[in-house]
Amino acid sequence: MVKSSRNTKWISLCILFLVHLAEVLAVEDGLVTNGDFETTPPTGFSSSGLGSDPSIPSWKITGTVELVESGQRQGGMILIVPEGTHAARLGNDAEITQKITVEKGSLYSLTFSAARTCAQLESLNVSVPPASQTIDLQTVYTVQGWDSYAWAFLAEEETVTVAFKNPGMEDDPTCGPIIDDIAVKRLFTPKRPKDNAVVNGDYEEGPWMFRNASLGVLLPTNLDEESSSLPGWIVESNRAVRYIDSNHFTVPGGKRAVELLSGKEGIIAQMVETTPQKDYTLTFSLGQAGDSCKQPLAVMAFASDQAENFHYTPDANLTFQSVGLNFTAKAERTRIAFYSIYYNTRSDDMSSLCGPVVDDVRVWGKSGGNRVAFKVLALGFGFGLLALFLV
């Protein structure tokens, strides 16, 4: 009996050790191995691609894949490398993959930079099987010619394959997107505050952001709240919204916020838990990102069957203002949503998309209904005492 107990103890300790080892070996937040494509290939870098030895350290390639260099020309076009000196270009139906170790059952977000080249209809498929999404690269949101994106996945195994593929087929087989700066981050869904029905209303939990990246991170269309790079929130629209940080933008509170882009084509939303027929107030901070965005800036806010537009009023002392609207919940879950009323661009380059900033979103129940109920209860109790006294 004693021997059996000792064996059970040792087995338990071994299991705990293996679990701890798996956590230790799981990929750390930040750049994946050679995610910036700056590691020198076995045959060295070549301005004309990968040369006779088509390999990229730490990546498996399929099809026509090239390592391009900053300033490299293709005909009359200068190829854009988002960061550093090198990046990978995916030709027709080309793909690069890398296996990473993760914690099974956890939510992760990939951050990566992408630029267009010469394809007419350019897109990029990102996947961690069985999950995948094709991201449209036709809209370039900044004058720099490239953007950073985020995409989330739920880890179904301890080792997963990250894949980037060009689904296009062009007459020129080398035409295709350029990708760079691939990073990963494990996400956690914040607990809902006691006095706020909104999850992650301050936007502090979100995708990986490089400290030297000044363009923010685009959050493309995503209707699945269970696998969102911005936990708790979904992007309902065809265009992306921008996740921004306080290192490069003006943020109302904390270190993160969301900048709404492309008017009605950039909608962010969340389903919050509510009590039917109860009165609530939706409040949020409305501001500007400090990125020379042309005025006016305005947001359309939705809560249940209520909708109201709010214009940002510039103030010499404040970069944001607190606004809100009242609504009555019709169900146990209520949709709140925001989009920019105008299509704004920056005044310094007249091209980069920008818009109003939303932060510190709160939904809280009014206590008026509770006070009425209390008054009715007190009145009933008073009549009861009066009846006893008369008897």
Protein backbone atom coordinates (compact mmCIF):
# COMPACT_ATOMS: atom_id res chain seq x y z
CA MET A 1 0.00 0.00 0.00
CA VAL A 2 2.85 2.35 0.91
CA LYS A 3 4.69 1.44 -2.33
CA SER A 4 1.56 2.16 -4.38
CA SER A 5 1.20 5.56 -2.69
CA ARG A 6 4.84 6.43 -3.46
CA ASN A 7 4.41 5.43 -7.10
CA THR A 8 1.33 7.64 -7.38
CA LYS A 9 3.28 10.54 -5.85
CA TRP A 10 6.16 10.09 -8.30
CA ILE A 11 3.77 9.92 -11.25
CA SER A 12 2.07 13.13 -10.10
CA LEU A 13 5.43 14.86 -9.77
CA CYS A 14 6.46 13.71 -13.25
CA ILE A 15 3.22 15.02 -14.75
CA LEU A 16 3.70 18.38 -13.03
CA PHE A 17 7.28 18.51 -14.31
CA LEU A 18 6.22 17.77 -17.89
CA VAL A 19 3.49 20.41 -17.74
CA HIS A 20 6.00 22.95 -16.44
CA LEU A 21 8.51 21.92 -19.13
CA ALA A 22 5.88 22.41 -21.84
CA GLU A 23 5.16 25.91 -20.51
CA VAL A 24 8.87 26.76 -20.42
CA LEU A 25 9.45 25.53 -23.98
CA ALA A 26 6.40 27.32 -25.39
CA VAL A 27 7.26 30.15 -27.74
CA GLU A 28 7.94 33.47 -26.02
CA ASP A 29 6.06 36.62 -26.95
CA GLY A 30 7.80 38.52 -29.70
CA LEU A 31 9.56 37.80 -32.98
CA VAL A 32 9.42 34.16 -34.12
CA THR A 33 12.72 32.56 -35.15
CA ASN A 34 14.06 34.59 -38.09
CA GLY A 35 10.73 36.37 -38.27
CA ASP A 36 12.52 39.44 -39.66
CA PHE A 37 14.34 37.39 -42.36
CA GLU A 38 17.68 38.93 -41.41
CA THR A 39 19.44 35.60 -40.68
CA THR A 40 21.92 34.92 -43.47
CA PRO A 41 21.03 31.89 -45.67
CA PRO A 42 23.70 29.16 -46.15
CA THR A 43 24.68 30.62 -49.53
CA GLY A 44 24.39 34.24 -48.40
CA PHE A 45 22.00 36.95 -49.46
CA SER A 46 21.42 37.55 -53.17
CA SER A 47 19.83 40.62 -54.72
CA SER A 48 18.19 38.36 -57.31
CA GLY A 49 16.46 36.10 -54.79
CA LEU A 50 17.64 32.95 -53.04
CA GLY A 51 20.05 31.84 -55.71
CA SER A 52 20.88 28.19 -56.30
CA ASP A 53 20.10 27.20 -52.70
CA PRO A 54 16.47 28.24 -52.17
CA SER A 55 16.32 28.21 -48.39
CA ILE A 56 15.43 30.63 -45.62
CA PRO A 57 16.79 29.74 -42.17
CA SER A 58 14.03 28.42 -39.83
CA TRP A 59 11.42 28.47 -42.63
CA LYS A 60 10.15 25.81 -45.03
CA ILE A 61 9.33 27.21 -48.46
CA THR A 62 7.10 26.02 -51.29
CA GLY A 63 7.01 27.63 -54.72
CA THR A 64 8.72 30.84 -55.80
CA VAL A 65 9.93 32.61 -52.67
CA GLU A 66 12.51 35.38 -52.73
CA LEU A 67 14.45 37.24 -50.10
CA VAL A 68 14.30 40.84 -51.25
CA GLU A 69 16.50 43.68 -50.10
CA SER A 70 15.56 47.23 -49.19
CA GLY A 71 15.90 49.46 -52.26
CA GLN A 72 15.86 46.52 -54.67
CA ARG A 73 14.23 47.28 -58.03
CA GLN A 74 11.91 45.25 -60.18
CA GLY A 75 11.56 47.03 -63.48
CA GLY A 76 10.61 50.59 -62.60
CA MET A 77 9.31 49.65 -59.15
CA ILE A 78 11.25 49.83 -55.90
CA LEU A 79 10.38 46.91 -53.64
CA ILE A 80 9.28 47.89 -50.15
CA VAL A 81 10.86 46.22 -47.14
CA PRO A 82 8.80 47.13 -44.05
CA GLU A 83 11.62 46.95 -41.50
CA GLY A 84 15.33 46.21 -41.57
CA THR A 85 17.17 45.17 -44.71
CA HIS A 86 15.43 42.00 -45.88
CA ALA A 87 11.95 40.54 -46.28
CA ALA A 88 10.31 37.58 -48.05
CA ARG A 89 8.30 37.87 -51.25
CA LEU A 90 5.81 35.15 -52.14
CA GLY A 91 5.27 34.43 -55.83
CA ASN A 92 2.36 32.56 -57.43
CA ASP A 93 0.85 30.05 -55.00
CA ALA A 94 4.05 30.26 -52.90
CA GLU A 95 4.09 29.52 -49.18
CA ILE A 96 6.42 29.71 -46.19
CA THR A 97 5.82 27.77 -42.98
CA GLN A 98 7.37 27.40 -39.54
CA LYS A 99 6.51 25.14 -36.62
CA ILE A 100 6.27 26.77 -33.20
CA THR A 101 5.64 25.34 -29.76
CA VAL A 102 2.61 26.72 -27.94
CA GLU A 103 0.38 25.91 -24.99
CA LYS A 104 -2.53 23.77 -26.12
CA GLY A 105 -5.90 25.43 -25.61
CA SER A 106 -4.47 28.96 -25.39
CA LEU A 107 -5.27 31.90 -27.65
CA TYR A 108 -2.42 33.43 -29.65
CA SER A 109 -2.10 36.35 -32.02
CA LEU A 110 0.29 36.71 -34.94
CA THR A 111 1.54 40.17 -35.88
CA PHE A 112 3.16 40.61 -39.29
CA SER A 113 3.91 43.34 -41.81
CA ALA A 114 2.88 43.11 -45.46
CA ALA A 115 3.36 45.17 -48.61
CA ARG A 116 2.02 44.90 -52.15
CA THR A 117 4.14 44.52 -55.27
CA CYS A 118 2.91 44.19 -58.86
CA ALA A 119 -0.18 41.96 -58.62
CA GLN A 120 -3.53 43.45 -59.60
CA LEU A 121 -5.54 41.73 -56.87
CA GLU A 122 -3.16 41.07 -54.03
CA SER A 123 -3.98 39.13 -50.87
CA LEU A 124 -2.26 37.01 -48.26
CA ASN A 125 -3.54 33.86 -46.60
CA VAL A 126 -2.38 33.33 -43.02
CA SER A 127 -3.15 30.07 -41.26
CA VAL A 128 -2.52 27.81 -38.33
CA PRO A 129 -4.50 24.72 -39.40
CA PRO A 130 -7.37 24.27 -39.18
CA ALA A 131 -7.85 28.06 -38.81
CA SER A 132 -7.08 30.40 -41.70
CA GLN A 133 -7.99 33.78 -43.14
CA THR A 134 -7.25 35.54 -46.40
CA ILE A 135 -6.40 39.19 -45.84
CA ASP A 136 -7.01 41.70 -48.62
CA LEU A 137 -3.95 43.84 -49.30
CA GLN A 138 -5.57 46.05 -51.94
CA THR A 139 -6.10 48.90 -49.48
CA VAL A 140 -2.81 50.39 -48.31
CA TYR A 141 -3.59 52.34 -45.16
CA THR A 142 -0.35 54.36 -44.94
CA VAL A 143 1.74 56.39 -47.34
CA GLN A 144 4.75 54.21 -46.43
CA GLY A 145 3.29 51.51 -48.66
CA TRP A 146 3.04 48.74 -46.04
CA ASP A 147 0.98 47.91 -42.97
CA SER A 148 1.16 45.67 -39.92
CA TYR A 149 -1.69 43.21 -39.32
CA ALA A 150 -2.79 40.93 -36.49
CA TRP A 151 -4.57 37.58 -36.71
CA ALA A 152 -5.50 35.25 -33.84
CA PHE A 153 -5.78 31.47 -33.51
CA LEU A 154 -6.65 28.95 -30.83
CA ALA A 155 -3.87 26.41 -30.30
CA GLU A 156 -5.32 22.92 -30.78
CA GLU A 157 -1.96 21.18 -30.39
CA GLU A 158 1.30 21.84 -28.53
CA THR A 159 3.14 22.21 -31.83
CA VAL A 160 1.45 24.18 -34.60
CA THR A 161 2.43 25.24 -38.12
CA VAL A 162 2.32 28.93 -38.96
CA ALA A 163 1.83 29.42 -42.70
CA PHE A 164 1.76 32.41 -45.03
CA LYS A 165 0.62 31.80 -48.59
CA ASN A 166 0.04 33.88 -51.71
CA PRO A 167 -3.22 32.54 -53.17
CA GLY A 168 -2.86 34.61 -56.34
CA MET A 169 -1.83 33.59 -59.86
CA GLU A 170 -0.27 36.32 -62.02
CA ASP A 171 1.36 36.33 -65.46
CA ASP A 172 4.58 37.30 -63.71
CA PRO A 173 5.18 34.41 -61.26
CA THR A 174 7.31 36.63 -59.00
CA CYS A 175 4.50 39.09 -58.35
CA GLY A 176 3.09 38.71 -54.88
CA PRO A 177 3.06 40.15 -51.35
CA ILE A 178 6.14 40.96 -49.31
CA ILE A 179 6.02 39.92 -45.65
CA ASP A 180 8.27 40.84 -42.75
CA ASP A 181 8.49 41.11 -38.94
CA ILE A 182 6.43 38.07 -37.92
CA ALA A 183 5.76 37.91 -34.19
CA VAL A 184 3.50 35.94 -31.86
CA LYS A 185 1.88 36.73 -28.53
CA ARG A 186 -0.19 34.64 -26.13
CA LEU A 187 -3.43 36.45 -25.29
CA PHE A 188 -5.47 36.48 -22.11
CA THR A 189 -9.09 37.54 -21.85
CA PRO A 190 -9.32 40.12 -19.03
CA LYS A 191 -11.87 39.54 -16.31
CA ARG A 192 -14.98 41.67 -16.55
CA PRO A 193 -14.94 44.46 -13.92
CA LYS A 194 -17.74 44.36 -11.36
CA ASP A 195 -19.01 47.79 -12.39
CA ASN A 196 -18.57 47.33 -16.14
CA ALA A 197 -20.24 44.85 -18.52
CA VAL A 198 -17.57 45.41 -21.20
CA VAL A 199 -14.66 42.97 -21.53
CA ASN A 200 -11.32 44.63 -22.32
CA GLY A 201 -12.99 48.03 -22.55
CA ASP A 202 -9.63 49.76 -22.07
CA TYR A 203 -8.09 47.75 -24.95
CA GLU A 204 -4.98 47.02 -22.90
CA GLU A 205 -4.93 43.35 -23.93
CA GLY A 206 -4.19 42.95 -27.62
CA PRO A 207 -1.68 41.80 -30.26
CA TRP A 208 2.09 42.15 -30.17
CA MET A 209 3.37 45.61 -31.05
CA PHE A 210 6.99 46.30 -31.90
CA ARG A 211 8.44 49.21 -29.93
CA ASN A 212 9.91 50.80 -33.05
CA ALA A 213 6.74 50.33 -35.16
CA SER A 214 5.03 53.71 -35.49
CA LEU A 215 2.10 52.71 -37.72
CA GLY A 216 0.05 50.73 -35.22
CA VAL A 217 -1.40 47.29 -36.00
CA LEU A 218 -4.41 46.74 -38.25
CA LEU A 219 -7.18 44.42 -37.04
CA PRO A 220 -8.90 43.00 -40.15
CA THR A 221 -12.40 41.55 -40.38
CA ASN A 222 -13.08 38.99 -37.66
CA LEU A 223 -16.55 37.88 -36.58
CA ASP A 224 -15.44 35.27 -34.05
CA GLU A 225 -15.15 36.73 -30.55
CA GLU A 226 -13.52 33.49 -29.33
CA SER A 227 -10.48 34.00 -31.57
CA SER A 228 -9.93 37.73 -31.69
CA SER A 229 -6.59 39.54 -31.54
CA LEU A 230 -8.43 42.07 -29.40
CA PRO A 231 -10.07 39.85 -26.73
CA GLY A 232 -13.75 40.57 -26.25
CA TRP A 233 -14.10 42.53 -29.51
CA ILE A 234 -14.90 41.71 -33.13
CA VAL A 235 -14.37 43.68 -36.35
CA GLU A 236 -17.62 43.46 -38.30
CA SER A 237 -16.63 45.43 -41.38
CA ASN A 238 -14.76 44.91 -44.66
CA ARG A 239 -12.00 47.31 -43.63
CA ALA A 240 -9.70 47.15 -40.66
CA VAL A 241 -9.45 49.26 -37.52
CA ARG A 242 -6.09 50.29 -36.09
CA TYR A 243 -4.71 49.19 -32.72
CA ILE A 244 -2.47 51.98 -31.40
CA ASP A 245 -0.04 52.48 -28.53
CA SER A 246 0.94 55.43 -26.37
CA ASN A 247 4.57 55.31 -27.59
CA HIS A 248 3.61 56.63 -31.02
CA PHE A 249 0.05 57.95 -30.68
CA THR A 250 -2.06 59.98 -28.29
CA VAL A 251 -4.08 57.56 -26.15
CA PRO A 252 -6.85 58.72 -23.75
CA GLY A 253 -5.94 56.27 -20.97
CA GLY A 254 -3.41 53.50 -20.35
CA LYS A 255 -1.10 52.34 -23.14
CA ARG A 256 -3.50 51.13 -25.85
CA ALA A 257 -6.58 52.32 -27.76
CA VAL A 258 -8.40 51.83 -31.09
CA GLU A 259 -8.40 54.26 -34.01
CA LEU A 260 -11.43 53.93 -36.31
CA LEU A 261 -10.73 54.07 -40.05
CA SER A 262 -12.65 54.15 -43.34
CA GLY A 263 -15.99 55.45 -42.10
CA LYS A 264 -18.78 52.86 -41.99
CA GLU A 265 -16.37 50.30 -43.43
CA GLY A 266 -14.48 50.06 -40.12
CA ILE A 267 -16.79 48.80 -37.35
CA ILE A 268 -15.72 47.40 -33.98
CA ALA A 269 -18.31 45.71 -31.76
CA GLN A 270 -18.91 43.57 -28.68
CA MET A 271 -21.84 41.64 -27.22
CA VAL A 272 -22.13 42.53 -23.52
CA GLU A 273 -24.14 40.75 -20.84
CA THR A 274 -27.23 42.68 -19.75
CA THR A 275 -30.52 42.20 -17.93
CA PRO A 276 -33.64 42.57 -20.12
CA GLN A 277 -35.67 45.75 -19.50
CA LYS A 278 -32.95 47.25 -17.33
CA ASP A 279 -31.62 50.75 -18.02
CA TYR A 280 -27.92 51.16 -18.83
CA THR A 281 -25.43 53.85 -19.78
CA LEU A 282 -22.69 53.39 -22.38
CA THR A 283 -19.73 55.73 -21.87
CA PHE A 284 -16.38 55.98 -23.66
CA SER A 285 -13.48 58.31 -24.28
CA LEU A 286 -13.40 59.99 -27.69
CA GLY A 287 -10.24 61.64 -28.92
CA GLN A 288 -7.64 62.13 -31.62
CA ALA A 289 -4.50 60.03 -32.11
CA GLY A 290 -2.03 62.88 -32.50
CA ASP A 291 -1.29 61.74 -36.06
CA SER A 292 -2.28 64.96 -37.89
CA CYS A 293 -5.69 63.57 -38.80
CA LYS A 294 -7.84 66.12 -40.61
CA GLN A 295 -10.94 67.38 -38.80
CA PRO A 296 -13.80 66.80 -38.27
CA LEU A 297 -13.60 63.63 -36.22
CA ALA A 298 -16.81 61.92 -35.17
CA VAL A 299 -18.04 58.52 -33.99
CA MET A 300 -21.39 56.78 -34.37
CA ALA A 301 -22.08 54.72 -31.24
CA PHE A 302 -24.65 51.94 -30.94
CA ALA A 303 -26.16 50.24 -27.88
CA SER A 304 -29.22 48.02 -28.22
CA ASP A 305 -31.74 49.98 -30.34
CA GLN A 306 -30.09 53.33 -29.58
CA ALA A 307 -27.62 55.15 -31.85
CA GLU A 308 -26.01 58.55 -31.48
CA ASN A 309 -23.19 60.43 -33.16
CA PHE A 310 -20.53 62.25 -31.17
CA HIS A 311 -18.17 64.88 -32.57
CA TYR A 312 -14.75 65.38 -31.09
CA THR A 313 -14.26 68.98 -30.03
CA PRO A 314 -10.60 70.03 -29.95
CA ASP A 315 -9.47 71.45 -26.63
CA ALA A 316 -6.14 73.11 -25.87
CA ASN A 317 -5.88 71.26 -22.56
CA LEU A 318 -7.39 67.87 -23.45
CA THR A 319 -6.88 65.40 -26.30
CA PHE A 320 -10.06 63.48 -25.51
CA GLN A 321 -13.53 63.89 -24.05
CA SER A 322 -15.93 61.55 -22.23
CA VAL A 323 -19.27 60.92 -23.95
CA GLY A 324 -22.11 58.44 -23.61
CA LEU A 325 -25.70 57.42 -24.29
CA ASN A 326 -28.49 55.71 -22.37
CA PHE A 327 -30.33 52.58 -23.47
CA THR A 328 -32.66 49.89 -22.22
CA ALA A 329 -31.53 46.29 -22.67
CA LYS A 330 -33.88 44.10 -24.69
CA ALA A 331 -32.09 40.79 -24.12
CA GLU A 332 -29.46 39.02 -22.04
CA ARG A 333 -26.78 40.09 -24.53
CA THR A 334 -26.63 43.57 -26.04
CA ARG A 335 -24.54 44.70 -28.99
CA ILE A 336 -22.43 47.83 -28.64
CA ALA A 337 -20.54 49.13 -31.67
CA PHE A 338 -18.57 52.08 -33.02
CA TYR A 339 -17.57 53.42 -36.42
CA SER A 340 -16.16 56.68 -37.76
CA ILE A 341 -18.71 58.94 -39.42
CA TYR A 342 -16.16 60.44 -41.82
CA TYR A 343 -13.43 59.10 -44.08
CA ASN A 344 -10.39 60.87 -42.67
CA THR A 345 -6.83 61.16 -43.95
CA ARG A 346 -3.73 62.75 -42.46
CA SER A 347 -3.14 66.41 -43.28
CA ASP A 348 0.63 65.97 -43.61
CA ASP A 349 0.56 63.39 -46.43
CA MET A 350 -3.09 63.60 -47.61
CA SER A 351 -3.09 59.82 -48.10
CA SER A 352 -2.70 57.79 -44.91
CA LEU A 353 -6.03 56.73 -43.40
CA CYS A 354 -6.81 57.88 -39.87
CA GLY A 355 -9.80 58.65 -37.68
CA PRO A 356 -11.18 59.20 -34.18
CA VAL A 357 -9.86 57.26 -31.20
CA VAL A 358 -12.08 55.22 -28.87
CA ASP A 359 -10.96 54.06 -25.41
CA ASP A 360 -12.20 53.28 -21.88
CA VAL A 361 -15.54 51.80 -22.97
CA ARG A 362 -17.95 51.13 -20.10
CA VAL A 363 -21.50 49.81 -19.81
CA TRP A 364 -23.06 50.08 -16.37
CA GLY A 365 -26.58 49.60 -15.09
CA LYS A 366 -28.55 52.51 -13.73
CA SER A 367 -29.74 52.20 -10.16
CA GLY A 368 -33.00 54.06 -10.79
CA GLY A 369 -34.96 50.86 -11.35
CA ASN A 370 -33.59 49.40 -8.13
CA ARG A 371 -34.56 52.52 -6.19
CA VAL A 372 -38.12 52.32 -7.51
CA ALA A 373 -38.31 48.66 -6.51
CA PHE A 374 -37.02 49.56 -3.05
CA LYS A 375 -39.61 52.34 -2.67
CA VAL A 376 -42.41 49.97 -3.68
CA LEU A 377 -41.12 47.37 -1.21
CA ALA A 378 -40.86 49.97 1.58
CA LEU A 379 -44.36 51.26 0.84
CA GLY A 380 -45.74 47.73 0.99
CA PHE A 381 -43.95 47.11 4.27
CA GLY A 382 -45.39 50.35 5.68
CA PHE A 383 -48.96 49.39 4.75
CA GLY A 384 -48.36 46.00 6.40
CA LEU A 385 -47.31 47.63 9.68
CA LEU A 386 -50.32 49.96 9.53
CA ALA A 387 -52.67 47.01 9.09
CA LEU A 388 -51.14 45.23 12.10
CA PHE A 389 -51.45 48.38 14.21
CA LEU A 390 -55.13 48.81 13.31
CA VAL A 391 -55.84 45.18 14.16
